[in-house]
Amino acid sequence: MSDSEVDGGIPLIEDEFSIVPDSKKRKRNDDPEEKTLSKAEQKRLKRKKQRKLKAKAIDNDQLDQELSVNHSFEHMDSQLLSDYINQRTRHYGKELSTVELEDKFIPARFIQDSSSFSKPRTLENLAEFLKSQNSKSMTPTPKTPSGAPHTLVITASGIRAADAFRSLRNDLPKQGVKNPSVAKLFAKHIKLAESIEHCSKYKMDFGVGTPDRISALLEQGALSTVNLKRIVVDVSYIDSKKRGILDMKELHEPLIKLLLRKEFKGEDNEVKSKLLLFF
């Protein structure tokens, strides 16, 4: 997947998550075959429908095209985020077995609850958002090793990453972060070899990039997680077609693969508790 804008994709609001009350849907869509199912099969079908309804926490009124923001994520706690993200994983992985899907799920315990932050999730508020969630994690990293940020910010595209990079570089000092070291970890006008060289030479506090480029740097051993305290996913941003990073299979799958990498796991082989933060 390149860092350029992805064409196509899955719309955020789908027919299967219609906001029409379930009782009305049953009147219109009664399936006579359901009546012939066994009680166990009916229970499984009911649980499946309940999972879909539980994951539905977004409506069109929450999609602000003027700000390019999906406001729904501002109100989601860790459990709701986990449910929604895993629903998208389930949607894109229909060909996978239950066990294979479960290996791709993000448990709520991995996610830090950021619903107390009341301002819109725009780039103008990104630096303030980071400080509000944990000001101690803004402390500069040691000079060595190089290429070992305390914060990774993951965006949907190179263009968005470049905007986030400028935002952090300009706004972090306003939040009391002196001389922040912000690194570009995306492919827009930057070759992989150049990124590897930069990581090997310079310290960094914040790294801003895309799933594919960050994964490549981890695979090359150029990016270190020794100082890593949080991974921030730019999930609220939507493009002109009202799509975010979770709403296109070509972006969602590499994102989930990145978030579950072994580099982010502790001794128990699980992603560190509250490592993930969704902006």
C-alpha atoms as a PDB file:
ATOM      1  CA  MET A   1       0.000   0.000   0.000  1.00  0.00           C
ATOM      2  CA  SER A   2       1.451   3.342  -0.989  1.00  0.00           C
ATOM      3  CA  ASP A   3       1.163   6.515   1.054  1.00  0.00           C
ATOM      4  CA  SER A   4      -0.972   8.209  -1.563  1.00  0.00           C
ATOM      5  CA  GLU A   5      -4.729   8.560  -1.169  1.00  0.00           C
ATOM      6  CA  VAL A   6      -6.561   5.293  -1.665  1.00  0.00           C
ATOM      7  CA  ASP A   7      -9.403   5.163  -4.165  1.00  0.00           C
ATOM      8  CA  GLY A   8     -12.505   3.152  -3.419  1.00  0.00           C
ATOM      9  CA  GLY A   9     -12.716   1.624  -0.003  1.00  0.00           C
ATOM     10  CA  ILE A  10     -15.562   0.907   2.392  1.00  0.00           C
ATOM     11  CA  PRO A  11     -17.879   3.723   3.466  1.00  0.00           C
ATOM     12  CA  LEU A  12     -18.024   4.417   7.166  1.00  0.00           C
ATOM     13  CA  ILE A  13     -21.776   4.014   7.400  1.00  0.00           C
ATOM     14  CA  GLU A  14     -22.928   0.683   6.002  1.00  0.00           C
ATOM     15  CA  ASP A  15     -26.378  -0.747   5.362  1.00  0.00           C
ATOM     16  CA  GLU A  16     -25.735  -3.569   7.807  1.00  0.00           C
ATOM     17  CA  PHE A  17     -25.436  -0.963  10.573  1.00  0.00           C
ATOM     18  CA  SER A  18     -28.606   0.912   9.723  1.00  0.00           C
ATOM     19  CA  ILE A  19     -29.836   3.195  12.494  1.00  0.00           C
ATOM     20  CA  VAL A  20     -33.386   1.954  11.905  1.00  0.00           C
ATOM     21  CA  PRO A  21     -34.592   0.304  15.150  1.00  0.00           C
ATOM     22  CA  ASP A  22     -34.101  -3.458  15.135  1.00  0.00           C
ATOM     23  CA  SER A  23     -37.829  -4.116  15.640  1.00  0.00           C
ATOM     24  CA  LYS A  24     -38.711  -2.264  12.426  1.00  0.00           C
ATOM     25  CA  LYS A  25     -35.965  -4.072  10.527  1.00  0.00           C
ATOM     26  CA  ARG A  26     -37.422  -7.416  11.572  1.00  0.00           C
ATOM     27  CA  LYS A  27     -40.866  -6.445  10.289  1.00  0.00           C
ATOM     28  CA  ARG A  28     -39.445  -5.572   6.878  1.00  0.00           C
ATOM     29  CA  ASN A  29     -36.794  -8.263   6.633  1.00  0.00           C
ATOM     30  CA  ASP A  30     -38.349 -11.259   8.366  1.00  0.00           C
ATOM     31  CA  ASP A  31     -36.504 -14.307   7.124  1.00  0.00           C
ATOM     32  CA  PRO A  32     -38.761 -17.376   7.149  1.00  0.00           C
ATOM     33  CA  GLU A  33     -35.676 -19.583   7.150  1.00  0.00           C
ATOM     34  CA  GLU A  34     -34.736 -18.266  10.617  1.00  0.00           C
ATOM     35  CA  LYS A  35     -37.809 -19.944  12.040  1.00  0.00           C
ATOM     36  CA  THR A  36     -36.469 -23.335  10.913  1.00  0.00           C
ATOM     37  CA  LEU A  37     -33.130 -22.919  12.708  1.00  0.00           C
ATOM     38  CA  SER A  38     -32.335 -24.792  15.867  1.00  0.00           C
ATOM     39  CA  LYS A  39     -32.309 -22.898  19.159  1.00  0.00           C
ATOM     40  CA  ALA A  40     -28.488 -23.001  19.235  1.00  0.00           C
ATOM     41  CA  GLU A  41     -28.273 -21.609  15.691  1.00  0.00           C
ATOM     42  CA  GLN A  42     -30.803 -18.900  16.528  1.00  0.00           C
ATOM     43  CA  LYS A  43     -28.721 -17.898  19.569  1.00  0.00           C
ATOM     44  CA  ARG A  44     -25.569 -17.696  17.446  1.00  0.00           C
ATOM     45  CA  LEU A  45     -27.393 -15.556  14.896  1.00  0.00           C
ATOM     46  CA  LYS A  46     -28.729 -13.300  17.662  1.00  0.00           C
ATOM     47  CA  ARG A  47     -25.242 -12.857  19.163  1.00  0.00           C
ATOM     48  CA  LYS A  48     -23.874 -12.004  15.722  1.00  0.00           C
ATOM     49  CA  LYS A  49     -26.514  -9.289  15.255  1.00  0.00           C
ATOM     50  CA  GLN A  50     -25.876  -7.938  18.747  1.00  0.00           C
ATOM     51  CA  ARG A  51     -22.127  -7.647  18.046  1.00  0.00           C
ATOM     52  CA  LYS A  52     -22.868  -5.622  14.930  1.00  0.00           C
ATOM     53  CA  LEU A  53     -25.266  -3.318  16.773  1.00  0.00           C
ATOM     54  CA  LYS A  54     -22.833  -2.898  19.660  1.00  0.00           C
ATOM     55  CA  ALA A  55     -20.071  -1.832  17.286  1.00  0.00           C
ATOM     56  CA  LYS A  56     -22.346   0.731  15.647  1.00  0.00           C
ATOM     57  CA  ALA A  57     -21.548   4.012  17.359  1.00  0.00           C
ATOM     58  CA  ILE A  58     -21.339   6.356  14.373  1.00  0.00           C
ATOM     59  CA  ASP A  59     -23.919   8.287  12.394  1.00  0.00           C
ATOM     60  CA  ASN A  60     -23.679  10.778   9.583  1.00  0.00           C
ATOM     61  CA  ASP A  61     -24.212  13.741  11.895  1.00  0.00           C
ATOM     62  CA  GLN A  62     -20.818  12.964  13.471  1.00  0.00           C
ATOM     63  CA  LEU A  63     -18.954  13.310  10.152  1.00  0.00           C
ATOM     64  CA  ASP A  64     -17.754  16.916   9.908  1.00  0.00           C
ATOM     65  CA  GLN A  65     -16.541  17.489   6.354  1.00  0.00           C
ATOM     66  CA  GLU A  66     -15.654  21.114   7.053  1.00  0.00           C
ATOM     67  CA  LEU A  67     -13.113  20.063   9.708  1.00  0.00           C
ATOM     68  CA  SER A  68     -12.421  16.665   8.061  1.00  0.00           C
ATOM     69  CA  VAL A  69     -13.194  15.043  11.400  1.00  0.00           C
ATOM     70  CA  ASN A  70     -15.297  12.115  12.551  1.00  0.00           C
ATOM     71  CA  HIS A  71     -16.451  13.362  15.959  1.00  0.00           C
ATOM     72  CA  SER A  72     -17.680   9.928  17.040  1.00  0.00           C
ATOM     73  CA  PHE A  73     -14.272   8.851  18.308  1.00  0.00           C
ATOM     74  CA  GLU A  74     -14.228  11.770  20.738  1.00  0.00           C
ATOM     75  CA  HIS A  75     -16.923  10.004  22.765  1.00  0.00           C
ATOM     76  CA  MET A  76     -15.658   6.421  22.626  1.00  0.00           C
ATOM     77  CA  ASP A  77     -14.045   4.865  25.672  1.00  0.00           C
ATOM     78  CA  SER A  78     -11.545   2.011  25.420  1.00  0.00           C
ATOM     79  CA  GLN A  79     -14.186  -0.698  25.148  1.00  0.00           C
ATOM     80  CA  LEU A  80     -16.192   1.043  22.431  1.00  0.00           C
ATOM     81  CA  LEU A  81     -13.022   1.699  20.445  1.00  0.00           C
ATOM     82  CA  SER A  82     -12.011  -1.924  20.764  1.00  0.00           C
ATOM     83  CA  ASP A  83     -15.466  -3.082  19.651  1.00  0.00           C
ATOM     84  CA  TYR A  84     -15.498  -0.768  16.640  1.00  0.00           C
ATOM     85  CA  ILE A  85     -11.956  -1.560  15.495  1.00  0.00           C
ATOM     86  CA  ASN A  86     -12.530  -5.296  15.828  1.00  0.00           C
ATOM     87  CA  GLN A  87     -15.815  -5.042  13.943  1.00  0.00           C
ATOM     88  CA  ARG A  88     -13.930  -3.506  11.033  1.00  0.00           C
ATOM     89  CA  THR A  89     -11.341  -6.291  11.254  1.00  0.00           C
ATOM     90  CA  ARG A  90     -14.148  -8.847  11.196  1.00  0.00           C
ATOM     91  CA  HIS A  91     -15.739  -7.114   8.209  1.00  0.00           C
ATOM     92  CA  TYR A  92     -12.524  -7.176   6.164  1.00  0.00           C
ATOM     93  CA  GLY A  93     -11.619 -10.711   7.233  1.00  0.00           C
ATOM     94  CA  LYS A  94     -14.752 -12.592   6.299  1.00  0.00           C
ATOM     95  CA  GLU A  95     -12.643 -15.358   4.750  1.00  0.00           C
ATOM     96  CA  LEU A  96     -10.703 -15.934   7.979  1.00  0.00           C
ATOM     97  CA  SER A  97     -11.495 -18.490  10.654  1.00  0.00           C
ATOM     98  CA  THR A  98     -12.606 -17.451  14.133  1.00  0.00           C
ATOM     99  CA  VAL A  99      -9.163 -18.232  15.543  1.00  0.00           C
ATOM    100  CA  GLU A 100      -7.414 -16.239  12.795  1.00  0.00           C
ATOM    101  CA  LEU A 101      -9.697 -13.268  13.434  1.00  0.00           C
ATOM    102  CA  GLU A 102      -9.156 -13.349  17.185  1.00  0.00           C
ATOM    103  CA  ASP A 103      -5.407 -13.081  16.599  1.00  0.00           C
ATOM    104  CA  LYS A 104      -6.072  -9.745  14.880  1.00  0.00           C
ATOM    105  CA  PHE A 105      -8.350  -8.256  17.530  1.00  0.00           C
ATOM    106  CA  ILE A 106      -7.290  -5.288  19.695  1.00  0.00           C
ATOM    107  CA  PRO A 107      -8.401  -5.800  23.333  1.00  0.00           C
ATOM    108  CA  ALA A 108      -9.686  -2.795  25.261  1.00  0.00           C
ATOM    109  CA  ARG A 109      -6.877  -3.134  27.817  1.00  0.00           C
ATOM    110  CA  PHE A 110      -4.364  -2.108  25.146  1.00  0.00           C
ATOM    111  CA  ILE A 111      -6.181   1.202  24.588  1.00  0.00           C
ATOM    112  CA  GLN A 112      -5.935   4.330  26.720  1.00  0.00           C
ATOM    113  CA  ASP A 113      -9.276   6.058  27.308  1.00  0.00           C
ATOM    114  CA  SER A 114      -9.073   9.584  25.875  1.00  0.00           C
ATOM    115  CA  SER A 115     -12.782  10.441  25.906  1.00  0.00           C
ATOM    116  CA  SER A 116     -12.199  13.134  28.552  1.00  0.00           C
ATOM    117  CA  PHE A 117     -10.513  15.366  25.946  1.00  0.00           C
ATOM    118  CA  SER A 118     -13.368  17.619  24.844  1.00  0.00           C
ATOM    119  CA  LYS A 119     -11.855  19.528  21.915  1.00  0.00           C
ATOM    120  CA  PRO A 120     -12.268  18.431  18.269  1.00  0.00           C
ATOM    121  CA  ARG A 121      -9.615  15.974  17.062  1.00  0.00           C
ATOM    122  CA  THR A 122      -8.042  18.391  14.585  1.00  0.00           C
ATOM    123  CA  LEU A 123      -4.306  18.826  14.038  1.00  0.00           C
ATOM    124  CA  GLU A 124      -4.483  22.216  15.725  1.00  0.00           C
ATOM    125  CA  ASN A 125      -5.306  20.349  18.929  1.00  0.00           C
ATOM    126  CA  LEU A 126      -2.937  17.389  18.505  1.00  0.00           C
ATOM    127  CA  ALA A 127      -0.094  18.703  20.676  1.00  0.00           C
ATOM    128  CA  GLU A 128      -2.506  19.697  23.440  1.00  0.00           C
ATOM    129  CA  PHE A 129      -4.187  16.311  23.186  1.00  0.00           C
ATOM    130  CA  LEU A 130      -0.881  14.486  23.669  1.00  0.00           C
ATOM    131  CA  LYS A 131       0.033  16.548  26.701  1.00  0.00           C
ATOM    132  CA  SER A 132      -3.415  16.172  28.249  1.00  0.00           C
ATOM    133  CA  GLN A 133      -3.241  12.396  28.101  1.00  0.00           C
ATOM    134  CA  ASN A 134       0.133  12.045  29.811  1.00  0.00           C
ATOM    135  CA  SER A 135       2.404  15.041  30.256  1.00  0.00           C
ATOM    136  CA  LYS A 136       5.206  12.844  31.653  1.00  0.00           C
ATOM    137  CA  SER A 137       5.480  11.016  28.344  1.00  0.00           C
ATOM    138  CA  MET A 138       6.484  14.301  26.663  1.00  0.00           C
ATOM    139  CA  THR A 139       9.911  14.203  28.359  1.00  0.00           C
ATOM    140  CA  PRO A 140      12.731  14.229  25.780  1.00  0.00           C
ATOM    141  CA  THR A 141      14.349  10.884  25.009  1.00  0.00           C
ATOM    142  CA  PRO A 142      18.054  10.217  25.790  1.00  0.00           C
ATOM    143  CA  LYS A 143      20.632  11.040  23.111  1.00  0.00           C
ATOM    144  CA  THR A 144      21.255   7.350  22.638  1.00  0.00           C
ATOM    145  CA  PRO A 145      20.120   5.132  21.123  1.00  0.00           C
ATOM    146  CA  SER A 146      19.175   7.002  17.966  1.00  0.00           C
ATOM    147  CA  GLY A 147      15.867   6.432  16.237  1.00  0.00           C
ATOM    148  CA  ALA A 148      14.036   5.606  19.473  1.00  0.00           C
ATOM    149  CA  PRO A 149      11.003   7.916  19.930  1.00  0.00           C
ATOM    150  CA  HIS A 150       8.747   7.932  22.970  1.00  0.00           C
ATOM    151  CA  THR A 151       5.707   8.650  20.759  1.00  0.00           C
ATOM    152  CA  LEU A 152       4.684   7.302  17.368  1.00  0.00           C
ATOM    153  CA  VAL A 153       1.868   9.047  15.481  1.00  0.00           C
ATOM    154  CA  ILE A 154       0.319   6.946  12.722  1.00  0.00           C
ATOM    155  CA  THR A 155      -1.662   8.547   9.902  1.00  0.00           C
ATOM    156  CA  ALA A 156      -3.524   7.354   6.806  1.00  0.00           C
ATOM    157  CA  SER A 157      -1.254   8.928   4.186  1.00  0.00           C
ATOM    158  CA  GLY A 158       2.038  10.680   3.592  1.00  0.00           C
ATOM    159  CA  ILE A 159       0.260  13.979   2.991  1.00  0.00           C
ATOM    160  CA  ARG A 160      -1.577  13.723   6.294  1.00  0.00           C
ATOM    161  CA  ALA A 161       1.657  12.705   8.037  1.00  0.00           C
ATOM    162  CA  ALA A 162       3.419  15.765   6.651  1.00  0.00           C
ATOM    163  CA  ASP A 163       0.627  17.983   8.002  1.00  0.00           C
ATOM    164  CA  ALA A 164       0.821  16.276  11.417  1.00  0.00           C
ATOM    165  CA  PHE A 165       4.609  16.686  11.430  1.00  0.00           C
ATOM    166  CA  ARG A 166       4.316  20.449  10.877  1.00  0.00           C
ATOM    167  CA  SER A 167       1.590  20.710  13.483  1.00  0.00           C
ATOM    168  CA  LEU A 168       3.649  18.991  16.179  1.00  0.00           C
ATOM    169  CA  ARG A 169       6.829  20.880  15.369  1.00  0.00           C
ATOM    170  CA  ASN A 170       4.997  24.207  15.622  1.00  0.00           C
ATOM    171  CA  ASP A 171       2.625  23.496  18.525  1.00  0.00           C
ATOM    172  CA  LEU A 172       4.630  21.329  20.929  1.00  0.00           C
ATOM    173  CA  PRO A 173       6.681  24.331  22.171  1.00  0.00           C
ATOM    174  CA  LYS A 174       3.377  26.038  23.022  1.00  0.00           C
ATOM    175  CA  GLN A 175       2.666  23.076  25.299  1.00  0.00           C
ATOM    176  CA  GLY A 176       5.969  23.516  27.104  1.00  0.00           C
ATOM    177  CA  VAL A 177       8.003  20.995  25.114  1.00  0.00           C
ATOM    178  CA  LYS A 178      11.346  22.674  24.406  1.00  0.00           C
ATOM    179  CA  ASN A 179      13.159  21.853  21.166  1.00  0.00           C
ATOM    180  CA  PRO A 180      11.057  18.788  20.332  1.00  0.00           C
ATOM    181  CA  SER A 181      12.687  16.321  17.978  1.00  0.00           C
ATOM    182  CA  VAL A 182      10.004  15.288  15.469  1.00  0.00           C
ATOM    183  CA  ALA A 183      10.912  12.802  12.744  1.00  0.00           C
ATOM    184  CA  LYS A 184       9.285  12.133   9.370  1.00  0.00           C
ATOM    185  CA  LEU A 185       8.541   8.431   9.036  1.00  0.00           C
ATOM    186  CA  PHE A 186       6.609   8.421   5.781  1.00  0.00           C
ATOM    187  CA  ALA A 187       7.336   7.875   2.105  1.00  0.00           C
ATOM    188  CA  LYS A 188       6.248  11.212   0.642  1.00  0.00           C
ATOM    189  CA  HIS A 189       9.428  12.452  -1.111  1.00  0.00           C
ATOM    190  CA  ILE A 190      11.536  10.398   1.331  1.00  0.00           C
ATOM    191  CA  LYS A 191      13.110   7.125   0.229  1.00  0.00           C
ATOM    192  CA  LEU A 192      13.339   4.222   2.649  1.00  0.00           C
ATOM    193  CA  ALA A 193      17.144   4.364   2.593  1.00  0.00           C
ATOM    194  CA  GLU A 194      17.004   8.021   3.617  1.00  0.00           C
ATOM    195  CA  SER A 195      14.656   7.207   6.504  1.00  0.00           C
ATOM    196  CA  ILE A 196      16.947   4.410   7.670  1.00  0.00           C
ATOM    197  CA  GLU A 197      19.940   6.731   7.589  1.00  0.00           C
ATOM    198  CA  HIS A 198      18.089   9.415   9.556  1.00  0.00           C
ATOM    199  CA  CYS A 199      16.991   6.924  12.220  1.00  0.00           C
ATOM    200  CA  SER A 200      20.540   5.644  12.584  1.00  0.00           C
ATOM    201  CA  LYS A 201      22.030   9.127  13.082  1.00  0.00           C
ATOM    202  CA  TYR A 202      19.579  11.192  15.088  1.00  0.00           C
ATOM    203  CA  LYS A 203      17.631  10.957  18.330  1.00  0.00           C
ATOM    204  CA  MET A 204      13.914  11.522  18.095  1.00  0.00           C
ATOM    205  CA  ASP A 205      11.122  12.212  20.550  1.00  0.00           C
ATOM    206  CA  PHE A 206       8.162  11.967  18.184  1.00  0.00           C
ATOM    207  CA  GLY A 207       7.921   9.932  14.997  1.00  0.00           C
ATOM    208  CA  VAL A 208       5.126  10.686  12.530  1.00  0.00           C
ATOM    209  CA  GLY A 209       4.392   8.294   9.712  1.00  0.00           C
ATOM    210  CA  THR A 210       2.278   5.707   7.928  1.00  0.00           C
ATOM    211  CA  PRO A 211       1.811   2.021   8.802  1.00  0.00           C
ATOM    212  CA  ASP A 212       3.806   0.703   5.839  1.00  0.00           C
ATOM    213  CA  ARG A 213       6.840   2.942   6.344  1.00  0.00           C
ATOM    214  CA  ILE A 214       6.955   2.466  10.126  1.00  0.00           C
ATOM    215  CA  SER A 215       6.681  -1.312   9.664  1.00  0.00           C
ATOM    216  CA  ALA A 216       9.509  -1.228   7.128  1.00  0.00           C
ATOM    217  CA  LEU A 217      11.749   0.738   9.506  1.00  0.00           C
ATOM    218  CA  LEU A 218      11.035  -1.732  12.304  1.00  0.00           C
ATOM    219  CA  GLU A 219      11.832  -4.658  10.017  1.00  0.00           C
ATOM    220  CA  GLN A 220      15.120  -3.038   9.028  1.00  0.00           C
ATOM    221  CA  GLY A 221      16.020  -2.511  12.686  1.00  0.00           C
ATOM    222  CA  ALA A 222      16.331   1.230  12.061  1.00  0.00           C
ATOM    223  CA  LEU A 223      13.514   2.198  14.403  1.00  0.00           C
ATOM    224  CA  SER A 224      13.855   1.276  18.071  1.00  0.00           C
ATOM    225  CA  THR A 225      11.043   0.847  20.599  1.00  0.00           C
ATOM    226  CA  VAL A 226      13.258   1.024  23.685  1.00  0.00           C
ATOM    227  CA  ASN A 227      11.823   4.448  24.682  1.00  0.00           C
ATOM    228  CA  LEU A 228       8.333   3.949  23.286  1.00  0.00           C
ATOM    229  CA  LYS A 229       5.533   4.995  25.652  1.00  0.00           C
ATOM    230  CA  ARG A 230       2.577   5.353  23.296  1.00  0.00           C
ATOM    231  CA  ILE A 231       1.336   4.811  19.764  1.00  0.00           C
ATOM    232  CA  VAL A 232      -1.143   7.442  18.610  1.00  0.00           C
ATOM    233  CA  VAL A 233      -3.484   6.572  15.736  1.00  0.00           C
ATOM    234  CA  ASP A 234      -4.941   9.491  13.779  1.00  0.00           C
ATOM    235  CA  VAL A 235      -8.319   7.790  13.594  1.00  0.00           C
ATOM    236  CA  SER A 236     -10.689  10.796  13.552  1.00  0.00           C
ATOM    237  CA  TYR A 237      -9.447  12.280  10.281  1.00  0.00           C
ATOM    238  CA  ILE A 238     -11.720  11.682   7.258  1.00  0.00           C
ATOM    239  CA  ASP A 239     -11.105  12.468   3.610  1.00  0.00           C
ATOM    240  CA  SER A 240     -13.470  14.069   1.100  1.00  0.00           C
ATOM    241  CA  LYS A 241     -15.350  10.760   0.809  1.00  0.00           C
ATOM    242  CA  LYS A 242     -15.889  10.570   4.581  1.00  0.00           C
ATOM    243  CA  ARG A 243     -13.383   7.742   5.005  1.00  0.00           C
ATOM    244  CA  GLY A 244     -10.898   7.331   7.813  1.00  0.00           C
ATOM    245  CA  ILE A 245      -7.948   5.011   8.346  1.00  0.00           C
ATOM    246  CA  LEU A 246     -10.274   2.272   9.628  1.00  0.00           C
ATOM    247  CA  ASP A 247     -12.643   2.511   6.685  1.00  0.00           C
ATOM    248  CA  MET A 248     -10.439   1.276   3.855  1.00  0.00           C
ATOM    249  CA  LYS A 249      -9.207  -2.294   3.827  1.00  0.00           C
ATOM    250  CA  GLU A 250      -5.940  -1.192   2.207  1.00  0.00           C
ATOM    251  CA  LEU A 251      -5.210   0.993   5.248  1.00  0.00           C
ATOM    252  CA  HIS A 252      -6.924  -0.911   8.035  1.00  0.00           C
ATOM    253  CA  GLU A 253      -5.074  -4.197   7.530  1.00  0.00           C
ATOM    254  CA  PRO A 254      -1.500  -2.803   7.580  1.00  0.00           C
ATOM    255  CA  LEU A 255      -2.471  -0.662  10.587  1.00  0.00           C
ATOM    256  CA  ILE A 256      -3.663  -3.665  12.611  1.00  0.00           C
ATOM    257  CA  LYS A 257      -0.628  -5.670  11.532  1.00  0.00           C
ATOM    258  CA  LEU A 258       1.616  -2.858  12.759  1.00  0.00           C
ATOM    259  CA  LEU A 259      -0.175  -2.398  16.094  1.00  0.00           C
ATOM    260  CA  LEU A 260       0.228  -6.095  16.896  1.00  0.00           C
ATOM    261  CA  ARG A 261       3.908  -6.367  15.991  1.00  0.00           C
ATOM    262  CA  LYS A 262       6.197  -8.250  18.367  1.00  0.00           C
ATOM    263  CA  GLU A 263       8.211  -5.078  19.037  1.00  0.00           C
ATOM    264  CA  PHE A 264       5.273  -3.644  20.961  1.00  0.00           C
ATOM    265  CA  LYS A 265       4.782  -6.705  23.149  1.00  0.00           C
ATOM    266  CA  GLY A 266       6.086  -7.381  26.633  1.00  0.00           C
ATOM    267  CA  GLU A 267       7.410 -10.524  28.263  1.00  0.00           C
ATOM    268  CA  ASP A 268       3.924 -12.062  28.255  1.00  0.00           C
ATOM    269  CA  ASN A 269       3.843 -11.674  24.454  1.00  0.00           C
ATOM    270  CA  GLU A 270       0.962  -9.193  24.675  1.00  0.00           C
ATOM    271  CA  VAL A 271       0.871  -5.555  23.596  1.00  0.00           C
ATOM    272  CA  LYS A 272       1.672  -3.357  26.576  1.00  0.00           C
ATOM    273  CA  SER A 273      -1.365  -2.149  28.508  1.00  0.00           C
ATOM    274  CA  LYS A 274      -2.659   1.287  27.432  1.00  0.00           C
ATOM    275  CA  LEU A 275       0.069   1.645  24.785  1.00  0.00           C
ATOM    276  CA  LEU A 276      -2.448   2.630  22.118  1.00  0.00           C
ATOM    277  CA  LEU A 277      -4.046   6.062  21.979  1.00  0.00           C
ATOM    278  CA  PHE A 278      -6.642   6.999  19.380  1.00  0.00           C
ATOM    279  CA  PHE A 279      -6.841  10.663  18.338  1.00  0.00           C
END
